[in-house]
C-alpha atoms as a PDB file:
ATOM      1  CA  MET A   1     123.608 101.362  85.462  1.00  0.00           C
ATOM      2  CA  ASP A   2     124.122 103.459  88.605  1.00  0.00           C
ATOM      3  CA  VAL A   3     121.033 103.433  90.873  1.00  0.00           C
ATOM      4  CA  ILE A   4     121.615 106.831  92.469  1.00  0.00           C
ATOM      5  CA  SER A   5     121.597 108.602  89.105  1.00  0.00           C
ATOM      6  CA  ARG A   6     118.045 107.311  88.564  1.00  0.00           C
ATOM      7  CA  LEU A   7     116.722 108.688  91.852  1.00  0.00           C
ATOM      8  CA  GLN A   8     115.527 112.203  92.642  1.00  0.00           C
ATOM      9  CA  PRO A   9     118.507 114.198  94.025  1.00  0.00           C
ATOM     10  CA  HIS A  10     116.215 115.685  96.685  1.00  0.00           C
ATOM     11  CA  THR A  11     115.339 112.197  98.004  1.00  0.00           C
ATOM     12  CA  VAL A  12     118.949 111.031  97.848  1.00  0.00           C
ATOM     13  CA  ARG A  13     120.015 114.027  99.912  1.00  0.00           C
ATOM     14  CA  ILE A  14     117.288 113.691 102.565  1.00  0.00           C
ATOM     15  CA  TYR A  15     117.967 110.008 103.230  1.00  0.00           C
ATOM     16  CA  GLY A  16     121.663 109.876 102.395  1.00  0.00           C
ATOM     17  CA  LEU A  17     120.961 107.146  99.864  1.00  0.00           C
ATOM     18  CA  GLN A  18     124.333 107.554  98.194  1.00  0.00           C
ATOM     19  CA  ASP A  19     125.880 105.804 101.203  1.00  0.00           C
ATOM     20  CA  ARG A  20     123.265 103.029 101.504  1.00  0.00           C
ATOM     21  CA  GLN A  21     123.132  99.533 100.077  1.00  0.00           C
ATOM     22  CA  CYS A  22     120.128  98.535  97.988  1.00  0.00           C
ATOM     23  CA  THR A  23     118.826  95.754  95.764  1.00  0.00           C
ATOM     24  CA  LEU A  24     116.935  96.183  92.494  1.00  0.00           C
ATOM     25  CA  GLU A  25     113.739  94.288  91.840  1.00  0.00           C
ATOM     26  CA  ARG A  26     110.885  94.292  89.338  1.00  0.00           C
ATOM     27  CA  VAL A  27     107.445  94.149  90.984  1.00  0.00           C
ATOM     28  CA  PRO A  28     103.791  94.848  90.093  1.00  0.00           C
ATOM     29  CA  ALA A  29     103.065  98.493  90.868  1.00  0.00           C
ATOM     30  CA  LYS A  30      99.769  97.511  92.519  1.00  0.00           C
ATOM     31  CA  SER A  31     101.679  95.566  95.180  1.00  0.00           C
ATOM     32  CA  LEU A  32     103.155  98.844  96.466  1.00  0.00           C
ATOM     33  CA  LEU A  33      99.827 100.587  97.104  1.00  0.00           C
ATOM     34  CA  SER A  34      99.650 101.291 100.824  1.00  0.00           C
ATOM     35  CA  GLY A  35      97.336 103.100 103.205  1.00  0.00           C
ATOM     36  CA  LEU A  36     100.420 104.846 104.555  1.00  0.00           C
ATOM     37  CA  LYS A  37     100.706 106.573 101.161  1.00  0.00           C
ATOM     38  CA  PHE A  38      97.286 108.215 101.048  1.00  0.00           C
ATOM     39  CA  ASP A  39      98.352 110.460  98.153  1.00  0.00           C
ATOM     40  CA  LEU A  40      98.661 107.477  95.793  1.00  0.00           C
ATOM     41  CA  PHE A  41      94.896 107.098  95.840  1.00  0.00           C
ATOM     42  CA  ALA A  42      94.334 110.793  95.198  1.00  0.00           C
ATOM     43  CA  LYS A  43      96.434 110.419  92.057  1.00  0.00           C
ATOM     44  CA  LEU A  44      94.598 107.230  91.087  1.00  0.00           C
ATOM     45  CA  TYR A  45      91.308 109.100  91.477  1.00  0.00           C
ATOM     46  CA  TYR A  46      92.546 111.798  89.124  1.00  0.00           C
ATOM     47  CA  ILE A  47      93.609 109.268  86.485  1.00  0.00           C
ATOM     48  CA  ALA A  48      90.278 107.438  86.719  1.00  0.00           C
ATOM     49  CA  HIS A  49      88.063 110.544  86.515  1.00  0.00           C
ATOM     50  CA  ARG A  50      89.995 113.135  84.505  1.00  0.00           C
ATOM     51  CA  ARG A  51      88.001 112.380  81.328  1.00  0.00           C
ATOM     52  CA  GLU A  52      84.472 111.952  82.655  1.00  0.00           C
ATOM     53  CA  ASP A  53      84.688 114.582  85.400  1.00  0.00           C
ATOM     54  CA  PRO A  54      87.692 116.801  84.614  1.00  0.00           C
ATOM     55  CA  GLU A  55      86.646 119.594  86.979  1.00  0.00           C
ATOM     56  CA  GLY A  56      86.095 117.349  89.975  1.00  0.00           C
ATOM     57  CA  ALA A  57      89.207 115.267  89.312  1.00  0.00           C
ATOM     58  CA  LEU A  58      91.377 118.361  88.925  1.00  0.00           C
ATOM     59  CA  LYS A  59      89.981 119.933  92.102  1.00  0.00           C
ATOM     60  CA  LEU A  60      90.799 116.858  94.179  1.00  0.00           C
ATOM     61  CA  TYR A  61      94.245 116.446  92.612  1.00  0.00           C
ATOM     62  CA  LEU A  62      95.257 120.068  93.200  1.00  0.00           C
ATOM     63  CA  GLU A  63      93.919 120.086  96.753  1.00  0.00           C
ATOM     64  CA  HIS A  64      96.105 117.147  97.715  1.00  0.00           C
ATOM     65  CA  ILE A  65      99.123 118.582  95.841  1.00  0.00           C
ATOM     66  CA  LYS A  66      98.821 121.831  97.829  1.00  0.00           C
ATOM     67  CA  VAL A  67      99.287 119.841 101.036  1.00  0.00           C
ATOM     68  CA  PHE A  68     102.784 118.906  99.862  1.00  0.00           C
ATOM     69  CA  ASN A  69     103.571 122.003  97.832  1.00  0.00           C
ATOM     70  CA  PRO A  70     101.504 125.021  98.945  1.00  0.00           C
ATOM     71  CA  ASP A  71     103.547 127.296  96.660  1.00  0.00           C
ATOM     72  CA  GLY A  72     103.115 125.071  93.605  1.00  0.00           C
ATOM     73  CA  LYS A  73     106.793 124.159  93.478  1.00  0.00           C
ATOM     74  CA  GLU A  74     108.391 120.768  93.973  1.00  0.00           C
ATOM     75  CA  PRO A  75     111.860 120.759  95.542  1.00  0.00           C
ATOM     76  CA  GLY A  76     114.522 119.567  93.139  1.00  0.00           C
ATOM     77  CA  ARG A  77     112.274 119.756  90.079  1.00  0.00           C
ATOM     78  CA  ASP A  78     112.780 122.578  87.598  1.00  0.00           C
ATOM     79  CA  ASP A  79     109.784 121.454  85.550  1.00  0.00           C
ATOM     80  CA  LYS A  80     107.276 121.782  88.426  1.00  0.00           C
ATOM     81  CA  THR A  81     107.163 125.435  89.389  1.00  0.00           C
ATOM     82  CA  SER A  82     103.380 125.982  89.244  1.00  0.00           C
ATOM     83  CA  PHE A  83     100.195 123.998  89.756  1.00  0.00           C
ATOM     84  CA  GLU A  84      99.565 124.087  86.009  1.00  0.00           C
ATOM     85  CA  ALA A  85     103.001 122.523  85.501  1.00  0.00           C
ATOM     86  CA  PHE A  86     102.119 119.729  87.953  1.00  0.00           C
ATOM     87  CA  VAL A  87      99.000 118.884  85.955  1.00  0.00           C
ATOM     88  CA  LYS A  88     100.762 119.081  82.599  1.00  0.00           C
ATOM     89  CA  ALA A  89     103.616 116.836  83.767  1.00  0.00           C
ATOM     90  CA  PHE A  90     101.226 114.280  85.262  1.00  0.00           C
ATOM     91  CA  ASP A  91      99.016 114.173  82.167  1.00  0.00           C
ATOM     92  CA  SER A  92     102.102 113.539  80.030  1.00  0.00           C
ATOM     93  CA  LEU A  93     103.314 110.830  82.400  1.00  0.00           C
ATOM     94  CA  ILE A  94      99.909 109.113  82.317  1.00  0.00           C
ATOM     95  CA  GLU A  95      99.926 108.895  78.529  1.00  0.00           C
ATOM     96  CA  ASP A  96     103.529 107.634  78.459  1.00  0.00           C
ATOM     97  CA  MET A  97     102.821 104.995  81.105  1.00  0.00           C
ATOM     98  CA  LYS A  98      99.760 103.811  79.208  1.00  0.00           C
ATOM     99  CA  THR A  99     101.648 103.234  75.960  1.00  0.00           C
ATOM    100  CA  LYS A 100     105.232 102.556  77.018  1.00  0.00           C
ATOM    101  CA  GLY A 101     105.088 101.318  80.608  1.00  0.00           C
ATOM    102  CA  PHE A 102     107.691 102.029  83.278  1.00  0.00           C
ATOM    103  CA  ASP A 103     111.151 102.865  81.925  1.00  0.00           C
ATOM    104  CA  GLU A 104     113.790 101.689  84.420  1.00  0.00           C
ATOM    105  CA  ASN A 105     116.502 103.377  82.379  1.00  0.00           C
ATOM    106  CA  LEU A 106     115.066 106.740  83.373  1.00  0.00           C
ATOM    107  CA  SER A 107     114.150 106.101  87.003  1.00  0.00           C
ATOM    108  CA  VAL A 108     113.589 103.589  89.776  1.00  0.00           C
ATOM    109  CA  ILE A 109     111.375 103.867  92.828  1.00  0.00           C
ATOM    110  CA  PRO A 110     113.175 103.831  96.206  1.00  0.00           C
ATOM    111  CA  LEU A 111     111.602 101.770  99.006  1.00  0.00           C
ATOM    112  CA  ASP A 112     112.369 101.855 102.712  1.00  0.00           C
ATOM    113  CA  ARG A 113     112.836  98.810 104.942  1.00  0.00           C
ATOM    114  CA  ASP A 114     109.048  98.321 105.165  1.00  0.00           C
ATOM    115  CA  GLY A 115     108.518  98.454 101.421  1.00  0.00           C
ATOM    116  CA  ILE A 116     107.007 101.966 101.495  1.00  0.00           C
ATOM    117  CA  SER A 117     107.945 104.224  98.589  1.00  0.00           C
ATOM    118  CA  LEU A 118     110.107 107.228  99.452  1.00  0.00           C
ATOM    119  CA  ASP A 119     109.497 109.015  96.161  1.00  0.00           C
ATOM    120  CA  GLY A 120     107.887 108.572  92.747  1.00  0.00           C
ATOM    121  CA  SER A 121     104.198 108.631  93.715  1.00  0.00           C
ATOM    122  CA  HIS A 122     103.085 109.951  90.331  1.00  0.00           C
ATOM    123  CA  ARG A 123     104.973 107.230  88.462  1.00  0.00           C
ATOM    124  CA  LEU A 124     103.823 104.546  90.879  1.00  0.00           C
ATOM    125  CA  SER A 125     100.137 105.496  90.735  1.00  0.00           C
ATOM    126  CA  ALA A 126     100.163 105.716  86.923  1.00  0.00           C
ATOM    127  CA  ALA A 127     101.875 102.332  86.657  1.00  0.00           C
ATOM    128  CA  ALA A 128      99.378 100.796  89.096  1.00  0.00           C
ATOM    129  CA  PHE A 129      96.422 102.197  87.166  1.00  0.00           C
ATOM    130  CA  PHE A 130      97.586 100.521  83.951  1.00  0.00           C
ATOM    131  CA  ASP A 131      98.669  97.363  85.800  1.00  0.00           C
ATOM    132  CA  LYS A 132     102.360  97.753  84.929  1.00  0.00           C
ATOM    133  CA  GLU A 133     105.480  96.524  86.674  1.00  0.00           C
ATOM    134  CA  VAL A 134     108.008  98.961  88.130  1.00  0.00           C
ATOM    135  CA  THR A 135     111.655  98.685  89.086  1.00  0.00           C
ATOM    136  CA  VAL A 136     112.302  99.392  92.752  1.00  0.00           C
ATOM    137  CA  ALA A 137     115.444  99.948  94.789  1.00  0.00           C
ATOM    138  CA  ARG A 138     115.013  98.405  98.233  1.00  0.00           C
ATOM    139  CA  PHE A 139     117.027 100.065 100.996  1.00  0.00           C
ATOM    140  CA  PRO A 140     116.869  97.627 103.970  1.00  0.00           C
ATOM    141  CA  ASP A 141     118.524 100.008 106.444  1.00  0.00           C
ATOM    142  CA  VAL A 142     116.496 103.150 105.586  1.00  0.00           C
ATOM    143  CA  SER A 143     113.373 104.220 107.477  1.00  0.00           C
ATOM    144  CA  ARG A 144     110.953 106.828 106.145  1.00  0.00           C
ATOM    145  CA  LYS A 145     110.851 110.094 108.036  1.00  0.00           C
ATOM    146  CA  CYS A 146     107.087 110.535 107.823  1.00  0.00           C
ATOM    147  CA  ASP A 147     103.920 108.600 107.060  1.00  0.00           C
ATOM    148  CA  PHE A 148     101.889 110.402 104.419  1.00  0.00           C
ATOM    149  CA  ASP A 149      98.691 108.796 105.642  1.00  0.00           C
ATOM    150  CA  TYR A 150      95.177 110.216 105.996  1.00  0.00           C
ATOM    151  CA  ALA A 151      96.045 111.885 109.326  1.00  0.00           C
ATOM    152  CA  TYR A 152      98.940 113.763 107.744  1.00  0.00           C
ATOM    153  CA  PHE A 153      96.738 115.157 105.000  1.00  0.00           C
ATOM    154  CA  LEU A 154      93.950 116.170 107.375  1.00  0.00           C
ATOM    155  CA  SER A 155      96.482 117.882 109.650  1.00  0.00           C
ATOM    156  CA  ARG A 156      97.727 119.877 106.667  1.00  0.00           C
ATOM    157  CA  GLY A 157      94.277 121.167 105.763  1.00  0.00           C
ATOM    158  CA  LEU A 158      92.788 118.580 103.392  1.00  0.00           C
ATOM    159  CA  HIS A 159      88.993 118.797 103.556  1.00  0.00           C
ATOM    160  CA  ARG A 160      87.331 115.853 105.255  1.00  0.00           C
ATOM    161  CA  SER A 161      84.968 115.364 102.282  1.00  0.00           C
ATOM    162  CA  THR A 162      88.005 115.138  99.979  1.00  0.00           C
ATOM    163  CA  ALA A 163      89.637 112.620 102.300  1.00  0.00           C
ATOM    164  CA  ASP A 164      86.412 110.571 102.266  1.00  0.00           C
ATOM    165  CA  THR A 165      86.547 110.442  98.464  1.00  0.00           C
ATOM    166  CA  ILE A 166      90.200 109.372  98.505  1.00  0.00           C
ATOM    167  CA  MET A 167      89.374 106.645 101.021  1.00  0.00           C
ATOM    168  CA  GLN A 168      86.684 105.316  98.707  1.00  0.00           C
ATOM    169  CA  GLU A 169      89.244 105.208  95.910  1.00  0.00           C
ATOM    170  CA  MET A 170      91.540 103.172  98.158  1.00  0.00           C
ATOM    171  CA  LEU A 171      88.760 100.632  98.583  1.00  0.00           C
ATOM    172  CA  ARG A 172      88.604 100.182  94.809  1.00  0.00           C
ATOM    173  CA  TRP A 173      92.269  99.173  94.693  1.00  0.00           C
ATOM    174  CA  LYS A 174      92.817  97.159  97.859  1.00  0.00           C
ATOM    175  CA  ASP A 175      90.739  94.123  98.772  1.00  0.00           C
ATOM    176  CA  ASN A 176      92.262  93.426 102.195  1.00  0.00           C
ATOM    177  CA  ILE A 177      90.611  96.342 104.000  1.00  0.00           C
ATOM    178  CA  TYR A 178      88.180  95.857 106.871  1.00  0.00           C
ATOM    179  CA  VAL A 179      86.333  98.331 109.037  1.00  0.00           C
ATOM    180  CA  ALA A 180      85.725  98.192 112.770  1.00  0.00           C
ATOM    181  CA  CYS A 181      82.567  99.997 113.895  1.00  0.00           C
ATOM    182  CA  LEU A 182      83.178 101.048 117.490  1.00  0.00           C
ATOM    183  CA  TRP A 183      79.676 101.576 118.865  1.00  0.00           C
ATOM    184  CA  PRO A 184      78.615 104.420 121.212  1.00  0.00           C
ATOM    185  CA  ARG A 185      78.327 101.901 124.060  1.00  0.00           C
ATOM    186  CA  ILE A 186      82.096 101.932 124.596  1.00  0.00           C
ATOM    187  CA  SER A 187      83.814 105.048 125.928  1.00  0.00           C
ATOM    188  CA  GLY A 188      86.308 107.305 124.207  1.00  0.00           C
ATOM    189  CA  ARG A 189      89.115 105.698 126.179  1.00  0.00           C
ATOM    190  CA  GLN A 190      87.971 102.241 125.118  1.00  0.00           C
ATOM    191  CA  LYS A 191      87.842 103.392 121.494  1.00  0.00           C
ATOM    192  CA  GLU A 192      91.428 104.593 121.829  1.00  0.00           C
ATOM    193  CA  THR A 193      92.374 101.184 123.223  1.00  0.00           C
ATOM    194  CA  ALA A 194      90.673  99.499 120.266  1.00  0.00           C
ATOM    195  CA  ARG A 195      92.657 101.620 117.797  1.00  0.00           C
ATOM    196  CA  LYS A 196      95.901 100.669 119.508  1.00  0.00           C
ATOM    197  CA  LEU A 197      94.969  96.994 119.437  1.00  0.00           C
ATOM    198  CA  ILE A 198      94.120  97.192 115.742  1.00  0.00           C
ATOM    199  CA  SER A 199      97.413  98.935 114.937  1.00  0.00           C
ATOM    200  CA  GLY A 200      99.190  96.011 116.599  1.00  0.00           C
ATOM    201  CA  PHE A 201      98.202  93.573 113.854  1.00  0.00           C
ATOM    202  CA  ALA A 202      97.068  95.788 110.964  1.00  0.00           C
ATOM    203  CA  GLN A 203      97.726  99.046 109.147  1.00  0.00           C
ATOM    204  CA  ILE A 204      95.161 101.733 109.965  1.00  0.00           C
ATOM    205  CA  CYS A 205      94.091 103.380 106.704  1.00  0.00           C
ATOM    206  CA  TYR A 206      91.385 105.797 107.839  1.00  0.00           C
ATOM    207  CA  VAL A 207      89.398 106.807 110.915  1.00  0.00           C
ATOM    208  CA  LYS A 208      86.102 108.661 110.825  1.00  0.00           C
ATOM    209  CA  THR A 209      84.024 109.594 113.871  1.00  0.00           C
ATOM    210  CA  GLU A 210      80.288 110.234 113.583  1.00  0.00           C
ATOM    211  CA  ARG A 211      77.993 111.683 116.215  1.00  0.00           C
ATOM    212  CA  ILE A 212      74.747 109.784 115.830  1.00  0.00           C
ATOM    213  CA  ASN A 213      71.282 109.635 117.346  1.00  0.00           C
ATOM    214  CA  LEU A 214      69.491 106.434 118.266  1.00  0.00           C
ATOM    215  CA  LYS A 215      67.086 106.445 115.328  1.00  0.00           C
ATOM    216  CA  SER A 216      69.930 106.889 112.852  1.00  0.00           C
ATOM    217  CA  LEU A 217      71.925 104.123 114.529  1.00  0.00           C
ATOM    218  CA  SER A 218      68.897 101.832 114.297  1.00  0.00           C
ATOM    219  CA  SER A 219      68.588 102.504 110.552  1.00  0.00           C
ATOM    220  CA  PHE A 220      72.320 102.020 110.071  1.00  0.00           C
ATOM    221  CA  VAL A 221      72.374  98.752 112.028  1.00  0.00           C
ATOM    222  CA  GLY A 222      69.396  97.501 110.047  1.00  0.00           C
ATOM    223  CA  GLN A 223      71.280  98.042 106.801  1.00  0.00           C
ATOM    224  CA  ILE A 224      74.654  96.558 107.698  1.00  0.00           C
ATOM    225  CA  TYR A 225      73.030  93.419 109.170  1.00  0.00           C
ATOM    226  CA  LYS A 226      70.252  93.187 106.554  1.00  0.00           C
ATOM    227  CA  ALA A 227      71.379  89.738 105.411  1.00  0.00           C
ATOM    228  CA  GLN A 228      70.372  88.364 108.806  1.00  0.00           C
ATOM    229  CA  ASP A 229      66.758  87.329 109.411  1.00  0.00           C
ATOM    230  CA  TRP A 230      66.329  89.189 112.692  1.00  0.00           C
ATOM    231  CA  THR A 231      66.560  92.554 110.887  1.00  0.00           C
ATOM    232  CA  LYS A 232      63.103  91.895 109.403  1.00  0.00           C
ATOM    233  CA  SER A 233      61.727  92.909 112.811  1.00  0.00           C
ATOM    234  CA  LYS A 234      61.884  96.669 113.470  1.00  0.00           C
ATOM    235  CA  ALA A 235      61.660  95.971 117.201  1.00  0.00           C
ATOM    236  CA  ALA A 236      64.658  93.631 117.058  1.00  0.00           C
ATOM    237  CA  VAL A 237      66.681  96.185 115.104  1.00  0.00           C
ATOM    238  CA  MET A 238      65.848  98.954 117.577  1.00  0.00           C
ATOM    239  CA  ASP A 239      66.703  96.642 120.473  1.00  0.00           C
ATOM    240  CA  LYS A 240      70.109  95.918 118.908  1.00  0.00           C
ATOM    241  CA  ALA A 241      70.736  99.639 118.349  1.00  0.00           C
ATOM    242  CA  THR A 242      69.725 100.460 121.923  1.00  0.00           C
ATOM    243  CA  ASN A 243      72.149  97.897 123.295  1.00  0.00           C
ATOM    244  CA  CYS A 244      74.926  99.374 121.133  1.00  0.00           C
ATOM    245  CA  TYR A 245      74.082 102.942 122.161  1.00  0.00           C
ATOM    246  CA  GLY A 246      75.736 104.899 124.963  1.00  0.00           C
ATOM    247  CA  PRO A 247      76.563 108.295 126.485  1.00  0.00           C
ATOM    248  CA  SER A 248      79.238 109.150 123.915  1.00  0.00           C
ATOM    249  CA  ARG A 249      76.650 109.073 121.109  1.00  0.00           C
ATOM    250  CA  THR A 250      79.527 108.542 118.663  1.00  0.00           C
ATOM    251  CA  VAL A 251      80.478 105.724 116.329  1.00  0.00           C
ATOM    252  CA  GLU A 252      84.109 105.485 115.313  1.00  0.00           C
ATOM    253  CA  PHE A 253      84.820 103.779 112.004  1.00  0.00           C
ATOM    254  CA  VAL A 254      88.366 102.409 111.797  1.00  0.00           C
ATOM    255  CA  PHE A 255      89.364 101.188 108.325  1.00  0.00           C
ATOM    256  CA  PHE A 256      92.408  98.923 108.414  1.00  0.00           C
ATOM    257  CA  SER A 257      94.301  96.605 106.079  1.00  0.00           C
ATOM    258  CA  THR A 258      95.713  93.228 107.030  1.00  0.00           C
ATOM    259  CA  ASN A 259      96.608  89.935 105.403  1.00  0.00           C
ATOM    260  CA  LEU A 260      95.161  87.898 108.255  1.00  0.00           C
ATOM    261  CA  PRO A 261      92.822  85.127 107.058  1.00  0.00           C
ATOM    262  CA  LEU A 262      89.121  85.336 107.972  1.00  0.00           C
ATOM    263  CA  GLU A 263      89.695  83.056 110.960  1.00  0.00           C
ATOM    264  CA  GLY A 264      92.213  85.575 112.289  1.00  0.00           C
ATOM    265  CA  ILE A 265      89.797  88.486 111.824  1.00  0.00           C
ATOM    266  CA  LEU A 266      87.037  86.599 113.642  1.00  0.00           C
ATOM    267  CA  GLY A 267      89.458  85.786 116.432  1.00  0.00           C
ATOM    268  CA  LYS A 268      90.406  89.449 116.832  1.00  0.00           C
ATOM    269  CA  LYS A 269      86.739  90.409 116.892  1.00  0.00           C
ATOM    270  CA  GLU A 270      86.034  88.035 119.784  1.00  0.00           C
ATOM    271  CA  GLU A 271      89.196  89.131 121.581  1.00  0.00           C
ATOM    272  CA  PHE A 272      88.108  92.785 121.469  1.00  0.00           C
ATOM    273  CA  ARG A 273      84.586  91.991 122.605  1.00  0.00           C
ATOM    274  CA  ASN A 274      85.916  90.089 125.604  1.00  0.00           C
ATOM    275  CA  ILE A 275      88.196  92.994 126.520  1.00  0.00           C
ATOM    276  CA  PHE A 276      85.306  95.473 126.557  1.00  0.00           C
ATOM    277  CA  HIS A 277      82.913  93.055 128.342  1.00  0.00           C
ATOM    278  CA  ASP A 278      79.966  94.086 126.180  1.00  0.00           C
ATOM    279  CA  GLY A 279      79.958  91.237 123.692  1.00  0.00           C
ATOM    280  CA  LYS A 280      78.531  92.051 120.287  1.00  0.00           C
ATOM    281  CA  HIS A 281      77.249  95.408 121.538  1.00  0.00           C
ATOM    282  CA  SER A 282      80.737  96.918 121.756  1.00  0.00           C
ATOM    283  CA  LEU A 283      81.880  96.703 118.132  1.00  0.00           C
ATOM    284  CA  HIS A 284      81.356  95.188 114.727  1.00  0.00           C
ATOM    285  CA  ILE A 285      84.095  94.202 112.273  1.00  0.00           C
ATOM    286  CA  THR A 286      83.426  93.342 108.645  1.00  0.00           C
ATOM    287  CA  ASP A 287      84.341  89.914 107.305  1.00  0.00           C
ATOM    288  CA  ASN A 288      85.301  90.874 103.761  1.00  0.00           C
ATOM    289  CA  ILE A 289      85.851  93.748 101.329  1.00  0.00           C
ATOM    290  CA  ALA A 290      82.237  93.662 100.091  1.00  0.00           C
ATOM    291  CA  GLU A 291      80.958  94.417 103.590  1.00  0.00           C
ATOM    292  CA  THR A 292      83.608  97.114 104.020  1.00  0.00           C
ATOM    293  CA  ARG A 293      82.572  98.791 100.777  1.00  0.00           C
ATOM    294  CA  GLN A 294      78.932  98.639 101.832  1.00  0.00           C
ATOM    295  CA  ILE A 295      79.655 100.536 105.049  1.00  0.00           C
ATOM    296  CA  ALA A 296      81.883 103.004 103.191  1.00  0.00           C
ATOM    297  CA  GLY A 297      79.026 103.696 100.784  1.00  0.00           C
ATOM    298  CA  LEU A 298      76.620 104.353 103.654  1.00  0.00           C
ATOM    299  CA  LEU A 299      79.161 106.724 105.202  1.00  0.00           C
ATOM    300  CA  PHE A 300      80.538 108.581 102.200  1.00  0.00           C
ATOM    301  CA  GLU A 301      77.835 108.565  99.509  1.00  0.00           C
ATOM    302  CA  PRO A 302      75.233 111.340 100.101  1.00  0.00           C
ATOM    303  CA  LEU A 303      72.336 109.404  98.545  1.00  0.00           C
ATOM    304  CA  GLN A 304      73.084 106.317 100.606  1.00  0.00           C
ATOM    305  CA  ARG A 305      73.644 108.376 103.733  1.00  0.00           C
ATOM    306  CA  LYS A 306      70.155 109.844 103.490  1.00  0.00           C
ATOM    307  CA  THR A 307      68.728 106.337 103.861  1.00  0.00           C
ATOM    308  CA  TRP A 308      69.837 106.181 107.490  1.00  0.00           C
ATOM    309  CA  ASP A 309      71.114 109.562 108.723  1.00  0.00           C
ATOM    310  CA  THR A 310      68.080 111.484 110.027  1.00  0.00           C
ATOM    311  CA  SER A 311      70.001 114.631 110.991  1.00  0.00           C
ATOM    312  CA  PHE A 312      69.932 116.374 107.606  1.00  0.00           C
ATOM    313  CA  ASN A 313      67.780 119.269 108.831  1.00  0.00           C
ATOM    314  CA  THR A 314      67.112 121.171 112.050  1.00  0.00           C
ATOM    315  CA  TRP A 315      63.570 119.882 112.519  1.00  0.00           C
ATOM    316  CA  GLY A 316      64.751 116.348 111.950  1.00  0.00           C
ATOM    317  CA  LYS A 317      67.434 116.761 114.598  1.00  0.00           C
ATOM    318  CA  ALA A 318      64.961 118.118 117.162  1.00  0.00           C
ATOM    319  CA  ARG A 319      62.316 115.483 116.382  1.00  0.00           C
ATOM    320  CA  ASN A 320      64.806 112.638 116.541  1.00  0.00           C
ATOM    321  CA  TYR A 321      66.293 113.938 119.782  1.00  0.00           C
ATOM    322  CA  LEU A 322      62.876 114.012 121.466  1.00  0.00           C
ATOM    323  CA  SER A 323      61.982 110.617 120.039  1.00  0.00           C
ATOM    324  CA  GLU A 324      65.296 109.235 121.230  1.00  0.00           C
ATOM    325  CA  GLN A 325      64.838 110.568 124.748  1.00  0.00           C
ATOM    326  CA  ALA A 326      61.323 109.143 124.950  1.00  0.00           C
ATOM    327  CA  TYR A 327      62.494 105.745 123.747  1.00  0.00           C
ATOM    328  CA  LEU A 328      65.436 105.673 126.143  1.00  0.00           C
ATOM    329  CA  PHE A 329      63.173 106.635 129.017  1.00  0.00           C
ATOM    330  CA  ARG A 330      60.637 103.884 128.275  1.00  0.00           C
ATOM    331  CA  HIS A 331      63.050 101.087 127.415  1.00  0.00           C
ATOM    332  CA  VAL A 332      66.195 101.905 129.366  1.00  0.00           C
ATOM    333  CA  ARG A 333      65.949 104.509 132.106  1.00  0.00           C
ATOM    334  CA  TRP A 334      62.495 103.548 133.373  1.00  0.00           C
ATOM    335  CA  LEU A 335      63.492  99.867 133.411  1.00  0.00           C
ATOM    336  CA  ASN A 336      66.688 100.701 135.306  1.00  0.00           C
ATOM    337  CA  PHE A 337      64.665 102.777 137.766  1.00  0.00           C
ATOM    338  CA  LYS A 338      62.235  99.898 138.428  1.00  0.00           C
ATOM    339  CA  VAL A 339      65.149  97.527 138.973  1.00  0.00           C
ATOM    340  CA  PHE A 340      66.692 100.024 141.395  1.00  0.00           C
ATOM    341  CA  VAL A 341      63.403 100.392 143.341  1.00  0.00           C
ATOM    342  CA  ALA A 342      62.931  96.619 143.501  1.00  0.00           C
ATOM    343  CA  ARG A 343      66.434  96.208 144.916  1.00  0.00           C
ATOM    344  CA  GLN A 344      65.832  98.869 147.541  1.00  0.00           C
ATOM    345  CA  LEU A 345      62.504  97.298 148.562  1.00  0.00           C
ATOM    346  CA  GLY A 346      64.184  93.909 148.829  1.00  0.00           C
ATOM    347  CA  ARG A 347      66.903  95.422 150.998  1.00  0.00           C
ATOM    348  CA  ILE A 348      64.280  97.031 153.282  1.00  0.00           C
ATOM    349  CA  LYS A 349      62.376  93.760 153.637  1.00  0.00           C
ATOM    350  CA  ARG A 350      65.573  91.962 154.662  1.00  0.00           C
ATOM    351  CA  LEU A 351      66.291  94.641 157.277  1.00  0.00           C
ATOM    352  CA  VAL A 352      62.774  94.396 158.701  1.00  0.00           C
ATOM    353  CA  LYS A 353      63.056  90.626 159.076  1.00  0.00           C
END
């Protein structure tokens, strides 16, 4: 059967697929889930929650659809001319996929040279949810024109809270995601360098930057390292947080996916720490998906966030700021001042001699 006739005419036209060579293959739909296709996880969220939380699931689904189709119309599709039509078509597809699976006689999913889908996100997400196989057409000499990643959706107006929810959904489906916590100790330029280094060996799935005070950082550090004995000492936890703190007062969380073994991840962690010359105080990288999900929960779940983020109200912000300044003065600035004075006195004594 002709491949082109089973592809969306709109996609064929954009990429000139009628003039390209391809190979057909049957693969598990889950294997095609990628952080560069952020919308897949929005659709998976809708499928997972449309029964138990229909209002919330529908809200998230429509918000992400409006990024692609602000007028409620999908190019090349006569059956999708309103947002209601999008929902109706997807609900029907979900039920068909559940009972019948993926029908390669009706359609195939086109992939570019990197194995990223060029079309068919609704079919792909539904097939992945029910653990079905799909038929793909691989085009080895075609490159996608755009990455529909988290940055694309945020740039098109997707709310950050919605993006956070979609990122959590991604973590339910992919177990090769890690997160690098770039501590306030390193500068904005160093954080940019870290992102570039990470993108050299992994696929960046999500980046979230948090402005944080010292007390909150101490609570956060205490939780992510809680399996280690030293966190039983509040003084040790605060000392660790102080060493990780810095003028930027921001932590950047970089979620990335890679198939490197644990030894490779540990090697990258040491490589980065050596580059920034601050050892373990420059960054932290999780070792497995369980640790990544733990940090994601602390970041994205309101109830968990309240266990460490002390900036939920104005008084709390003011109190923590004053407390932070007092602590920094006693344990950092005053110590640095005494060291400075001692050096000057030593210099004067040498001159006198």
